[in-house]
Amino acid sequence: MALQGSLSELSLPDVIQLVAVSGKTGAFHLERDDTKGVIFLKEGQIVDASVGELTGEHAVYEMAIWSEGEFMFTPGEEAPRVTIQKSNANLMMEAARRLDEWRVLSRKIPSLHLVPYFADRGQGQDQVTLSPQEWILITRIDGNRTIREIARILRWSAFDVSKLLFGMITSGLVALREEGSGESSRSGFSGGPSPVTLLGLAEKIRKMAHSVTGESGERTIERQYLAARTRIERGDGIEAIREMVDQHSKAISLLKGADVAAMFDEQVRPLLGMTTESGAAASARRKTQ
């Protein structure tokens, strides 16, 4: 007989524990809004899980923080693969830790349906230091996508996206609004990072290019960087940096070879939301020039 219920009444770790102690084999099917996931048990041990783009233990952790949704356990359903080697105890300990951390995050991020946007910041307050992961995240913030949609695009867990957003919200770089609220024009919404933030990103990429070319490319890299600064200050946004990256890649290819340029592309393009196809296209262009 199938076991089913609501996650608002019983947390997923508790539900799994109830079934696991009996040594059952089967599958937990979970659904929250339009998101579906599954966790397979074999003789009470979790052996596989998936939700969205996530698989294995990361999928378990993602679903463990769900505070709403429905679950159903189907006995006898076999896992098609084994993606989890950790014991149930270790999985549930990490899930519990994340659940505690999620309760802290939810004070500033009460819903994954909220839309992050770049908040107005006063003069001198825009100097922020961001990690590579945070740079990647800000290039996906457009004032229209929800947190859940951004996580899906990045193929990251909503928990990991929310952890990064929490710091940005605390620093005042990012704010949240209701999806479809129509209040963006009154809330200071900007469709992208501020010029000061973009200048910081351009400086970071310039240093990366310098570390690759050395003194031989210093003059070329500096000229391309200054051109990008001018475009950013003129209001061209992140497209100015993307053009700078293309120019840097061409210069590196000429000075150090296509393989080194490809390595530079691989490091830099994710920061800008540039796809691997973009990198391949740039490499192909360099070879024909």
C-alpha atoms as a PDB file:
ATOM      1  CA  MET A   1       0.000   0.000   0.000  1.00  0.00           C
ATOM      2  CA  ALA A   2       1.379   3.436  -0.973  1.00  0.00           C
ATOM      3  CA  LEU A   3       2.243   5.941   1.740  1.00  0.00           C
ATOM      4  CA  GLN A   4       1.387   9.544   0.916  1.00  0.00           C
ATOM      5  CA  GLY A   5       0.951  12.895   2.581  1.00  0.00           C
ATOM      6  CA  SER A   6       1.928  16.570   2.747  1.00  0.00           C
ATOM      7  CA  LEU A   7       5.409  17.922   3.422  1.00  0.00           C
ATOM      8  CA  SER A   8       3.844  20.835   5.292  1.00  0.00           C
ATOM      9  CA  GLU A   9       2.807  18.337   7.974  1.00  0.00           C
ATOM     10  CA  LEU A  10       5.829  16.034   7.958  1.00  0.00           C
ATOM     11  CA  SER A  11       9.370  16.920   6.797  1.00  0.00           C
ATOM     12  CA  LEU A  12      11.026  14.770   4.164  1.00  0.00           C
ATOM     13  CA  PRO A  13      13.851  13.561   6.458  1.00  0.00           C
ATOM     14  CA  ASP A  14      11.242  12.334   8.954  1.00  0.00           C
ATOM     15  CA  VAL A  15       9.250  10.601   6.232  1.00  0.00           C
ATOM     16  CA  ILE A  16      12.333   8.867   4.845  1.00  0.00           C
ATOM     17  CA  GLN A  17      13.349   7.740   8.321  1.00  0.00           C
ATOM     18  CA  LEU A  18       9.957   6.135   8.864  1.00  0.00           C
ATOM     19  CA  VAL A  19      10.298   4.035   5.716  1.00  0.00           C
ATOM     20  CA  ALA A  20      14.037   3.383   5.942  1.00  0.00           C
ATOM     21  CA  VAL A  21      13.896   1.715   9.374  1.00  0.00           C
ATOM     22  CA  SER A  22      11.567  -0.913   7.934  1.00  0.00           C
ATOM     23  CA  GLY A  23      14.165  -1.819   5.287  1.00  0.00           C
ATOM     24  CA  LYS A  24      11.769  -1.276   2.392  1.00  0.00           C
ATOM     25  CA  THR A  25      12.632  -0.964  -1.281  1.00  0.00           C
ATOM     26  CA  GLY A  26      10.694   1.598  -3.294  1.00  0.00           C
ATOM     27  CA  ALA A  27      10.506   5.184  -4.477  1.00  0.00           C
ATOM     28  CA  PHE A  28       9.432   8.474  -2.937  1.00  0.00           C
ATOM     29  CA  HIS A  29       7.748  10.626  -5.583  1.00  0.00           C
ATOM     30  CA  LEU A  30       7.610  14.291  -4.583  1.00  0.00           C
ATOM     31  CA  GLU A  31       5.860  17.228  -6.194  1.00  0.00           C
ATOM     32  CA  ARG A  32       5.896  20.920  -5.354  1.00  0.00           C
ATOM     33  CA  ASP A  33       4.162  23.306  -7.735  1.00  0.00           C
ATOM     34  CA  ASP A  34       5.496  22.317 -11.152  1.00  0.00           C
ATOM     35  CA  THR A  35       8.628  20.607  -9.805  1.00  0.00           C
ATOM     36  CA  LYS A  36       8.790  16.829  -9.468  1.00  0.00           C
ATOM     37  CA  GLY A  37      11.468  14.705  -7.864  1.00  0.00           C
ATOM     38  CA  VAL A  38      12.100  11.116  -6.861  1.00  0.00           C
ATOM     39  CA  ILE A  39      14.192   9.343  -4.212  1.00  0.00           C
ATOM     40  CA  PHE A  40      14.839   5.598  -4.483  1.00  0.00           C
ATOM     41  CA  LEU A  41      15.484   3.297  -1.551  1.00  0.00           C
ATOM     42  CA  LYS A  42      16.901  -0.224  -1.678  1.00  0.00           C
ATOM     43  CA  GLU A  43      16.360  -2.242   1.482  1.00  0.00           C
ATOM     44  CA  GLY A  44      15.975   1.017   3.394  1.00  0.00           C
ATOM     45  CA  GLN A  45      19.119   2.678   1.993  1.00  0.00           C
ATOM     46  CA  ILE A  46      18.857   5.734  -0.278  1.00  0.00           C
ATOM     47  CA  VAL A  47      20.592   4.822  -3.552  1.00  0.00           C
ATOM     48  CA  ASP A  48      19.402   7.380  -6.113  1.00  0.00           C
ATOM     49  CA  ALA A  49      17.605  10.720  -6.354  1.00  0.00           C
ATOM     50  CA  SER A  50      16.812  13.357  -8.935  1.00  0.00           C
ATOM     51  CA  VAL A  51      14.976  16.660  -9.144  1.00  0.00           C
ATOM     52  CA  GLY A  52      15.223  19.054 -12.074  1.00  0.00           C
ATOM     53  CA  GLU A  53      18.848  19.090 -13.230  1.00  0.00           C
ATOM     54  CA  LEU A  54      20.150  17.748  -9.911  1.00  0.00           C
ATOM     55  CA  THR A  55      20.963  14.117  -9.207  1.00  0.00           C
ATOM     56  CA  GLY A  56      22.419  12.093  -6.354  1.00  0.00           C
ATOM     57  CA  GLU A  57      22.879  13.492  -2.870  1.00  0.00           C
ATOM     58  CA  HIS A  58      22.468  17.111  -4.069  1.00  0.00           C
ATOM     59  CA  ALA A  59      18.949  16.234  -5.207  1.00  0.00           C
ATOM     60  CA  VAL A  60      18.207  14.796  -1.746  1.00  0.00           C
ATOM     61  CA  TYR A  61      19.441  17.993  -0.065  1.00  0.00           C
ATOM     62  CA  GLU A  62      17.378  20.134  -2.426  1.00  0.00           C
ATOM     63  CA  MET A  63      14.145  18.295  -1.659  1.00  0.00           C
ATOM     64  CA  ALA A  64      14.911  18.054   2.057  1.00  0.00           C
ATOM     65  CA  ILE A  65      14.374  21.822   2.472  1.00  0.00           C
ATOM     66  CA  TRP A  66      10.910  21.736   0.878  1.00  0.00           C
ATOM     67  CA  SER A  67       8.390  22.933   3.438  1.00  0.00           C
ATOM     68  CA  GLU A  68       5.406  22.334   1.170  1.00  0.00           C
ATOM     69  CA  GLY A  69       4.384  19.864  -1.491  1.00  0.00           C
ATOM     70  CA  GLU A  70       3.135  16.285  -1.657  1.00  0.00           C
ATOM     71  CA  PHE A  71       4.898  12.960  -1.354  1.00  0.00           C
ATOM     72  CA  MET A  72       3.992   9.369  -2.158  1.00  0.00           C
ATOM     73  CA  PHE A  73       6.024   6.243  -1.473  1.00  0.00           C
ATOM     74  CA  THR A  74       5.561   3.394  -3.932  1.00  0.00           C
ATOM     75  CA  PRO A  75       6.863   0.074  -2.525  1.00  0.00           C
ATOM     76  CA  GLY A  76       8.808  -2.263  -4.797  1.00  0.00           C
ATOM     77  CA  GLU A  77       9.860   0.348  -7.360  1.00  0.00           C
ATOM     78  CA  GLU A  78      13.513  -0.278  -8.238  1.00  0.00           C
ATOM     79  CA  ALA A  79      16.156   2.397  -8.826  1.00  0.00           C
ATOM     80  CA  PRO A  80      17.418   2.539 -12.431  1.00  0.00           C
ATOM     81  CA  ARG A  81      20.925   3.426 -11.213  1.00  0.00           C
ATOM     82  CA  VAL A  82      23.003   4.055  -8.101  1.00  0.00           C
ATOM     83  CA  THR A  83      24.148   7.659  -7.638  1.00  0.00           C
ATOM     84  CA  ILE A  84      24.431   7.785  -3.839  1.00  0.00           C
ATOM     85  CA  GLN A  85      27.019   5.981  -1.721  1.00  0.00           C
ATOM     86  CA  LYS A  86      26.633   7.871   1.561  1.00  0.00           C
ATOM     87  CA  SER A  87      24.777   6.288   4.431  1.00  0.00           C
ATOM     88  CA  ASN A  88      21.293   7.485   5.314  1.00  0.00           C
ATOM     89  CA  ALA A  89      22.664   8.860   8.588  1.00  0.00           C
ATOM     90  CA  ASN A  90      25.230  11.058   6.843  1.00  0.00           C
ATOM     91  CA  LEU A  91      22.692  12.198   4.238  1.00  0.00           C
ATOM     92  CA  MET A  92      20.116  13.137   6.841  1.00  0.00           C
ATOM     93  CA  MET A  93      22.684  14.941   9.020  1.00  0.00           C
ATOM     94  CA  GLU A  94      23.671  17.137   6.077  1.00  0.00           C
ATOM     95  CA  ALA A  95      20.008  17.580   5.104  1.00  0.00           C
ATOM     96  CA  ALA A  96      19.203  18.696   8.660  1.00  0.00           C
ATOM     97  CA  ARG A  97      22.104  21.160   8.618  1.00  0.00           C
ATOM     98  CA  ARG A  98      20.881  22.659   5.360  1.00  0.00           C
ATOM     99  CA  LEU A  99      17.340  22.816   6.669  1.00  0.00           C
ATOM    100  CA  ASP A 100      18.561  24.834   9.667  1.00  0.00           C
ATOM    101  CA  GLU A 101      20.526  27.113   7.353  1.00  0.00           C
ATOM    102  CA  TRP A 102      17.505  27.487   5.078  1.00  0.00           C
ATOM    103  CA  ARG A 103      15.467  28.778   8.019  1.00  0.00           C
ATOM    104  CA  VAL A 104      18.027  31.591   8.358  1.00  0.00           C
ATOM    105  CA  LEU A 105      18.054  32.296   4.600  1.00  0.00           C
ATOM    106  CA  SER A 106      14.253  32.404   4.488  1.00  0.00           C
ATOM    107  CA  ARG A 107      14.238  35.495   6.718  1.00  0.00           C
ATOM    108  CA  LYS A 108      15.408  37.471   3.683  1.00  0.00           C
ATOM    109  CA  ILE A 109      14.262  35.025   0.987  1.00  0.00           C
ATOM    110  CA  PRO A 110      10.795  33.833   2.024  1.00  0.00           C
ATOM    111  CA  SER A 111       9.927  32.392  -1.397  1.00  0.00           C
ATOM    112  CA  LEU A 112      11.721  31.033  -4.456  1.00  0.00           C
ATOM    113  CA  HIS A 113       9.047  32.724  -6.591  1.00  0.00           C
ATOM    114  CA  LEU A 114      10.507  36.154  -5.806  1.00  0.00           C
ATOM    115  CA  VAL A 115      12.396  38.041  -8.522  1.00  0.00           C
ATOM    116  CA  PRO A 116      15.874  39.402  -7.716  1.00  0.00           C
ATOM    117  CA  TYR A 117      16.834  42.756  -9.216  1.00  0.00           C
ATOM    118  CA  PHE A 118      19.722  45.181  -8.811  1.00  0.00           C
ATOM    119  CA  ALA A 119      18.959  47.780  -6.172  1.00  0.00           C
ATOM    120  CA  ASP A 120      19.912  51.431  -6.395  1.00  0.00           C
ATOM    121  CA  ARG A 121      23.037  52.132  -4.369  1.00  0.00           C
ATOM    122  CA  GLY A 122      24.330  55.494  -3.299  1.00  0.00           C
ATOM    123  CA  GLN A 123      27.600  56.962  -4.511  1.00  0.00           C
ATOM    124  CA  GLY A 124      30.545  55.116  -2.979  1.00  0.00           C
ATOM    125  CA  GLN A 125      28.437  52.144  -1.873  1.00  0.00           C
ATOM    126  CA  ASP A 126      28.834  50.086  -5.026  1.00  0.00           C
ATOM    127  CA  GLN A 127      32.342  48.815  -4.294  1.00  0.00           C
ATOM    128  CA  VAL A 128      31.663  45.143  -3.689  1.00  0.00           C
ATOM    129  CA  THR A 129      33.934  42.122  -3.861  1.00  0.00           C
ATOM    130  CA  LEU A 130      32.287  39.135  -5.496  1.00  0.00           C
ATOM    131  CA  SER A 131      33.370  35.521  -5.809  1.00  0.00           C
ATOM    132  CA  PRO A 132      33.448  33.823  -9.243  1.00  0.00           C
ATOM    133  CA  GLN A 133      30.156  32.090  -8.396  1.00  0.00           C
ATOM    134  CA  GLU A 134      28.571  35.437  -7.494  1.00  0.00           C
ATOM    135  CA  TRP A 135      29.748  36.953 -10.794  1.00  0.00           C
ATOM    136  CA  ILE A 136      28.128  34.050 -12.632  1.00  0.00           C
ATOM    137  CA  LEU A 137      24.908  34.575 -10.693  1.00  0.00           C
ATOM    138  CA  ILE A 138      24.604  38.319 -11.327  1.00  0.00           C
ATOM    139  CA  THR A 139      24.805  37.796 -15.079  1.00  0.00           C
ATOM    140  CA  ARG A 140      21.591  35.735 -14.844  1.00  0.00           C
ATOM    141  CA  ILE A 141      19.690  38.377 -12.870  1.00  0.00           C
ATOM    142  CA  ASP A 142      17.516  40.352 -15.282  1.00  0.00           C
ATOM    143  CA  GLY A 143      14.663  41.586 -13.100  1.00  0.00           C
ATOM    144  CA  ASN A 144      12.245  39.084 -14.662  1.00  0.00           C
ATOM    145  CA  ARG A 145      13.493  35.624 -13.694  1.00  0.00           C
ATOM    146  CA  THR A 146      12.518  34.174 -10.334  1.00  0.00           C
ATOM    147  CA  ILE A 147      15.066  32.589  -8.020  1.00  0.00           C
ATOM    148  CA  ARG A 148      13.814  29.158  -9.031  1.00  0.00           C
ATOM    149  CA  GLU A 149      14.153  29.976 -12.739  1.00  0.00           C
ATOM    150  CA  ILE A 150      17.698  31.246 -12.247  1.00  0.00           C
ATOM    151  CA  ALA A 151      18.602  28.051 -10.398  1.00  0.00           C
ATOM    152  CA  ARG A 152      17.170  25.999 -13.258  1.00  0.00           C
ATOM    153  CA  ILE A 153      19.157  27.948 -15.874  1.00  0.00           C
ATOM    154  CA  LEU A 154      22.398  27.593 -13.909  1.00  0.00           C
ATOM    155  CA  ARG A 155      21.673  23.955 -13.028  1.00  0.00           C
ATOM    156  CA  TRP A 156      22.402  24.860  -9.421  1.00  0.00           C
ATOM    157  CA  SER A 157      20.291  24.002  -6.422  1.00  0.00           C
ATOM    158  CA  ALA A 158      17.883  26.696  -5.269  1.00  0.00           C
ATOM    159  CA  PHE A 159      19.592  26.432  -1.875  1.00  0.00           C
ATOM    160  CA  ASP A 160      23.004  27.359  -3.344  1.00  0.00           C
ATOM    161  CA  VAL A 161      21.515  30.251  -5.341  1.00  0.00           C
ATOM    162  CA  SER A 162      19.738  31.518  -2.238  1.00  0.00           C
ATOM    163  CA  LYS A 163      22.944  31.384  -0.169  1.00  0.00           C
ATOM    164  CA  LEU A 164      24.686  33.636  -2.692  1.00  0.00           C
ATOM    165  CA  LEU A 165      21.686  35.961  -2.952  1.00  0.00           C
ATOM    166  CA  PHE A 166      21.503  36.256   0.836  1.00  0.00           C
ATOM    167  CA  GLY A 167      24.904  37.963   0.912  1.00  0.00           C
ATOM    168  CA  MET A 168      24.017  40.236  -2.023  1.00  0.00           C
ATOM    169  CA  ILE A 169      20.753  41.249  -0.370  1.00  0.00           C
ATOM    170  CA  THR A 170      22.501  41.918   2.928  1.00  0.00           C
ATOM    171  CA  SER A 171      25.067  44.159   1.171  1.00  0.00           C
ATOM    172  CA  GLY A 172      22.297  46.041  -0.653  1.00  0.00           C
ATOM    173  CA  LEU A 173      23.451  45.001  -4.116  1.00  0.00           C
ATOM    174  CA  VAL A 174      20.283  43.004  -4.840  1.00  0.00           C
ATOM    175  CA  ALA A 175      16.665  43.293  -3.709  1.00  0.00           C
ATOM    176  CA  LEU A 176      13.607  41.090  -4.236  1.00  0.00           C
ATOM    177  CA  ARG A 177      10.116  41.770  -5.532  1.00  0.00           C
ATOM    178  CA  GLU A 178       6.992  39.737  -6.183  1.00  0.00           C
ATOM    179  CA  GLU A 179       6.777  38.072  -9.573  1.00  0.00           C
ATOM    180  CA  GLY A 180       4.603  40.122 -11.926  1.00  0.00           C
ATOM    181  CA  SER A 181       4.114  42.852  -9.329  1.00  0.00           C
ATOM    182  CA  GLY A 182       4.759  45.577 -11.904  1.00  0.00           C
ATOM    183  CA  GLU A 183       6.591  47.624  -9.286  1.00  0.00           C
ATOM    184  CA  SER A 184      10.051  47.450 -10.814  1.00  0.00           C
ATOM    185  CA  SER A 185       9.908  50.974 -12.238  1.00  0.00           C
ATOM    186  CA  ARG A 186       9.169  52.391  -8.782  1.00  0.00           C
ATOM    187  CA  SER A 187      11.623  50.169  -6.919  1.00  0.00           C
ATOM    188  CA  GLY A 188      14.731  51.371  -8.682  1.00  0.00           C
ATOM    189  CA  PHE A 189      15.020  48.231 -10.781  1.00  0.00           C
ATOM    190  CA  SER A 190      17.909  48.058 -13.177  1.00  0.00           C
ATOM    191  CA  GLY A 191      18.053  45.449 -15.899  1.00  0.00           C
ATOM    192  CA  GLY A 192      21.675  44.664 -15.067  1.00  0.00           C
ATOM    193  CA  PRO A 193      24.584  45.357 -12.741  1.00  0.00           C
ATOM    194  CA  SER A 194      25.441  48.979 -12.085  1.00  0.00           C
ATOM    195  CA  PRO A 195      28.348  50.574 -14.012  1.00  0.00           C
ATOM    196  CA  VAL A 196      30.558  50.446 -10.909  1.00  0.00           C
ATOM    197  CA  THR A 197      29.900  46.733 -10.500  1.00  0.00           C
ATOM    198  CA  LEU A 198      30.626  46.158 -14.187  1.00  0.00           C
ATOM    199  CA  LEU A 199      33.858  48.116 -13.912  1.00  0.00           C
ATOM    200  CA  GLY A 200      34.873  45.823 -11.079  1.00  0.00           C
ATOM    201  CA  LEU A 201      34.194  42.801 -13.289  1.00  0.00           C
ATOM    202  CA  ALA A 202      36.165  44.345 -16.153  1.00  0.00           C
ATOM    203  CA  GLU A 203      39.111  44.921 -13.812  1.00  0.00           C
ATOM    204  CA  LYS A 204      38.957  41.293 -12.642  1.00  0.00           C
ATOM    205  CA  ILE A 205      39.012  40.020 -16.243  1.00  0.00           C
ATOM    206  CA  ARG A 206      41.834  42.394 -17.161  1.00  0.00           C
ATOM    207  CA  LYS A 207      43.971  40.889 -14.383  1.00  0.00           C
ATOM    208  CA  MET A 208      43.151  37.379 -15.604  1.00  0.00           C
ATOM    209  CA  ALA A 209      44.222  38.328 -19.136  1.00  0.00           C
ATOM    210  CA  HIS A 210      47.446  39.945 -17.867  1.00  0.00           C
ATOM    211  CA  SER A 211      48.320  36.767 -15.943  1.00  0.00           C
ATOM    212  CA  VAL A 212      48.056  34.833 -19.231  1.00  0.00           C
ATOM    213  CA  THR A 213      49.879  37.202 -21.604  1.00  0.00           C
ATOM    214  CA  GLY A 214      52.495  38.628 -19.278  1.00  0.00           C
ATOM    215  CA  GLU A 215      54.414  41.728 -20.322  1.00  0.00           C
ATOM    216  CA  SER A 216      54.184  40.841 -24.011  1.00  0.00           C
ATOM    217  CA  GLY A 217      50.479  41.589 -24.096  1.00  0.00           C
ATOM    218  CA  GLU A 218      50.248  44.292 -21.444  1.00  0.00           C
ATOM    219  CA  ARG A 219      49.784  47.200 -23.854  1.00  0.00           C
ATOM    220  CA  THR A 220      47.128  45.406 -25.941  1.00  0.00           C
ATOM    221  CA  ILE A 221      45.153  44.193 -22.908  1.00  0.00           C
ATOM    222  CA  GLU A 222      45.264  47.651 -21.329  1.00  0.00           C
ATOM    223  CA  ARG A 223      43.993  49.305 -24.515  1.00  0.00           C
ATOM    224  CA  GLN A 224      41.087  46.859 -24.765  1.00  0.00           C
ATOM    225  CA  TYR A 225      40.281  47.322 -21.084  1.00  0.00           C
ATOM    226  CA  LEU A 226      40.188  51.117 -21.392  1.00  0.00           C
ATOM    227  CA  ALA A 227      37.889  50.826 -24.424  1.00  0.00           C
ATOM    228  CA  ALA A 228      35.543  48.657 -22.380  1.00  0.00           C
ATOM    229  CA  ARG A 229      35.576  51.178 -19.514  1.00  0.00           C
ATOM    230  CA  THR A 230      34.553  53.925 -21.911  1.00  0.00           C
ATOM    231  CA  ARG A 231      31.660  51.840 -23.248  1.00  0.00           C
ATOM    232  CA  ILE A 232      30.504  50.904 -19.737  1.00  0.00           C
ATOM    233  CA  GLU A 233      30.512  54.526 -18.628  1.00  0.00           C
ATOM    234  CA  ARG A 234      28.552  55.325 -21.796  1.00  0.00           C
ATOM    235  CA  GLY A 235      25.879  52.820 -20.739  1.00  0.00           C
ATOM    236  CA  ASP A 236      26.611  49.815 -22.965  1.00  0.00           C
ATOM    237  CA  GLY A 237      26.378  47.455 -19.990  1.00  0.00           C
ATOM    238  CA  ILE A 238      27.724  43.924 -19.909  1.00  0.00           C
ATOM    239  CA  GLU A 239      27.942  43.786 -23.715  1.00  0.00           C
ATOM    240  CA  ALA A 240      30.991  46.029 -23.404  1.00  0.00           C
ATOM    241  CA  ILE A 241      32.690  43.400 -21.254  1.00  0.00           C
ATOM    242  CA  ARG A 242      31.710  40.596 -23.599  1.00  0.00           C
ATOM    243  CA  GLU A 243      33.332  42.487 -26.453  1.00  0.00           C
ATOM    244  CA  MET A 244      36.410  43.008 -24.283  1.00  0.00           C
ATOM    245  CA  VAL A 245      36.613  39.271 -23.622  1.00  0.00           C
ATOM    246  CA  ASP A 246      36.415  38.566 -27.356  1.00  0.00           C
ATOM    247  CA  GLN A 247      39.244  41.027 -27.992  1.00  0.00           C
ATOM    248  CA  HIS A 248      41.319  39.586 -25.132  1.00  0.00           C
ATOM    249  CA  SER A 249      40.822  36.075 -26.540  1.00  0.00           C
ATOM    250  CA  LYS A 250      42.009  37.138 -29.981  1.00  0.00           C
ATOM    251  CA  ALA A 251      45.073  38.811 -28.516  1.00  0.00           C
ATOM    252  CA  ILE A 252      45.922  35.779 -26.389  1.00  0.00           C
ATOM    253  CA  SER A 253      45.502  33.501 -29.406  1.00  0.00           C
ATOM    254  CA  LEU A 254      48.003  35.568 -31.395  1.00  0.00           C
ATOM    255  CA  LEU A 255      50.499  35.841 -28.547  1.00  0.00           C
ATOM    256  CA  LYS A 256      50.195  32.457 -26.855  1.00  0.00           C
ATOM    257  CA  GLY A 257      48.293  30.224 -29.251  1.00  0.00           C
ATOM    258  CA  ALA A 258      44.722  28.974 -29.660  1.00  0.00           C
ATOM    259  CA  ASP A 259      44.977  26.403 -26.850  1.00  0.00           C
ATOM    260  CA  VAL A 260      45.894  29.046 -24.268  1.00  0.00           C
ATOM    261  CA  ALA A 261      43.131  31.313 -25.578  1.00  0.00           C
ATOM    262  CA  ALA A 262      40.665  28.443 -25.194  1.00  0.00           C
ATOM    263  CA  MET A 263      41.740  28.015 -21.557  1.00  0.00           C
ATOM    264  CA  PHE A 264      41.182  31.734 -20.979  1.00  0.00           C
ATOM    265  CA  ASP A 265      37.716  31.466 -22.560  1.00  0.00           C
ATOM    266  CA  GLU A 266      36.843  28.537 -20.326  1.00  0.00           C
ATOM    267  CA  GLN A 267      37.756  30.509 -17.209  1.00  0.00           C
ATOM    268  CA  VAL A 268      36.147  33.819 -18.141  1.00  0.00           C
ATOM    269  CA  ARG A 269      33.023  33.164 -20.187  1.00  0.00           C
ATOM    270  CA  PRO A 270      30.994  31.532 -17.385  1.00  0.00           C
ATOM    271  CA  LEU A 271      31.344  34.781 -15.433  1.00  0.00           C
ATOM    272  CA  LEU A 272      29.425  36.563 -18.174  1.00  0.00           C
ATOM    273  CA  GLY A 273      26.783  33.975 -18.922  1.00  0.00           C
ATOM    274  CA  MET A 274      28.487  33.242 -22.227  1.00  0.00           C
ATOM    275  CA  THR A 275      27.845  29.724 -23.435  1.00  0.00           C
ATOM    276  CA  THR A 276      30.434  27.189 -24.491  1.00  0.00           C
ATOM    277  CA  GLU A 277      29.069  27.616 -28.016  1.00  0.00           C
ATOM    278  CA  SER A 278      30.092  31.268 -27.833  1.00  0.00           C
ATOM    279  CA  GLY A 279      33.593  30.202 -26.859  1.00  0.00           C
ATOM    280  CA  ALA A 280      33.760  27.678 -29.678  1.00  0.00           C
ATOM    281  CA  ALA A 281      32.528  30.254 -32.154  1.00  0.00           C
ATOM    282  CA  ALA A 282      35.142  32.740 -30.975  1.00  0.00           C
ATOM    283  CA  SER A 283      37.845  30.075 -31.305  1.00  0.00           C
ATOM    284  CA  ALA A 284      36.675  29.253 -34.814  1.00  0.00           C
ATOM    285  CA  ARG A 285      36.742  32.932 -35.764  1.00  0.00           C
ATOM    286  CA  ARG A 286      40.303  33.246 -34.505  1.00  0.00           C
ATOM    287  CA  LYS A 287      41.462  30.274 -36.582  1.00  0.00           C
ATOM    288  CA  THR A 288      40.030  31.814 -39.767  1.00  0.00           C
ATOM    289  CA  GLN A 289      41.551  35.225 -39.149  1.00  0.00           C
END
